[in-house]
Amino acid sequence: MKGEMKMDNSLVKILIEAKKLNKSIPAKFLLKYDIQMVNLSKLEDDGLILTMKSKSDGLVLKLTLKGYHHFNK
């Protein structure tokens, strides 16, 4: 899958740990990990990540169970 090939290892680790805690991560906290280089729409279409709008945090991200297994190899 094209979009995730650019995904920083630290970003993957953060999303995996958040999934373990059943938490979503505000995208604004992931900017230093080049989240803007990741094709979130493609990952969402592939069922690997959920994106949601939060009134307080803006865009938030959460791995799906499929995404957790895909990235936690």
Protein backbone atom coordinates (compact mmCIF):
# COMPACT_ATOMS: atom_id res chain seq x y z
CA MET A 1 0.00 0.00 0.00
CA LYS A 2 1.47 3.23 -1.16
CA GLY A 3 0.57 5.70 1.65
CA GLU A 4 1.97 3.75 4.55
CA MET A 5 5.39 3.18 3.01
CA LYS A 6 6.29 6.73 4.03
CA MET A 7 4.95 6.29 7.56
CA ASP A 8 7.58 7.06 10.17
CA ASN A 9 8.34 4.15 12.52
CA SER A 10 7.74 6.39 15.54
CA LEU A 11 4.31 7.28 14.16
CA VAL A 12 3.46 3.60 13.74
CA LYS A 13 4.57 2.87 17.33
CA ILE A 14 2.46 5.75 18.69
CA LEU A 15 -0.64 4.57 16.83
CA ILE A 16 -0.10 0.97 18.00
CA GLU A 17 0.30 2.03 21.64
CA ALA A 18 -2.80 4.25 21.40
CA LYS A 19 -4.77 1.30 19.99
CA LYS A 20 -3.66 -0.85 22.95
CA LEU A 21 -5.07 1.85 25.25
CA ASN A 22 -8.20 2.27 23.08
CA LYS A 23 -7.33 5.94 22.54
CA SER A 24 -7.41 8.29 19.57
CA ILE A 25 -4.50 10.63 18.83
CA PRO A 26 -5.01 14.22 17.65
CA ALA A 27 -3.31 14.62 14.27
CA LYS A 28 -1.82 17.96 15.39
CA PHE A 29 0.40 16.05 17.86
CA LEU A 30 1.73 13.87 15.03
CA LEU A 31 2.99 16.64 12.73
CA LYS A 32 6.61 16.16 13.79
CA TYR A 33 6.32 12.54 12.59
CA ASP A 34 5.37 13.69 9.06
CA ILE A 35 1.71 12.66 9.38
CA GLN A 36 1.00 15.10 6.53
CA MET A 37 3.00 12.80 4.21
CA VAL A 38 0.70 9.86 4.93
CA ASN A 39 -2.32 9.26 2.72
CA LEU A 40 -4.91 9.00 5.50
CA SER A 41 -7.78 8.66 3.04
CA LYS A 42 -6.15 5.60 1.46
CA LEU A 43 -5.49 4.03 4.86
CA GLU A 44 -9.09 4.71 5.86
CA ASP A 45 -10.39 3.25 2.58
CA ASP A 46 -8.26 0.15 3.22
CA GLY A 47 -9.83 -0.18 6.70
CA LEU A 48 -6.55 0.37 8.55
CA ILE A 49 -7.29 3.66 10.32
CA LEU A 50 -10.26 5.70 11.49
CA THR A 51 -10.29 9.48 11.23
CA MET A 52 -12.78 11.52 13.21
CA LYS A 53 -13.40 15.20 13.89
CA SER A 54 -13.24 16.29 17.53
CA LYS A 55 -14.54 19.69 18.64
CA SER A 56 -11.62 20.13 21.02
CA ASP A 57 -8.78 18.40 19.13
CA GLY A 58 -9.69 18.68 15.44
CA LEU A 59 -8.79 15.61 13.39
CA VAL A 60 -8.08 12.53 15.51
CA LEU A 61 -6.72 9.16 14.36
CA LYS A 62 -7.16 5.64 15.63
CA LEU A 63 -5.99 2.33 14.21
CA THR A 64 -8.66 -0.22 13.45
CA LEU A 65 -8.12 -3.80 14.60
CA LYS A 66 -7.14 -4.62 11.02
CA GLY A 67 -4.67 -1.71 11.07
CA TYR A 68 -3.26 -2.83 14.39
CA HIS A 69 -2.51 -6.30 13.03
CA HIS A 70 -1.20 -4.88 9.74
CA PHE A 71 1.31 -2.50 11.34
CA ASN A 72 2.20 -4.61 14.38
CA LYS A 73 4.19 -7.22 12.46
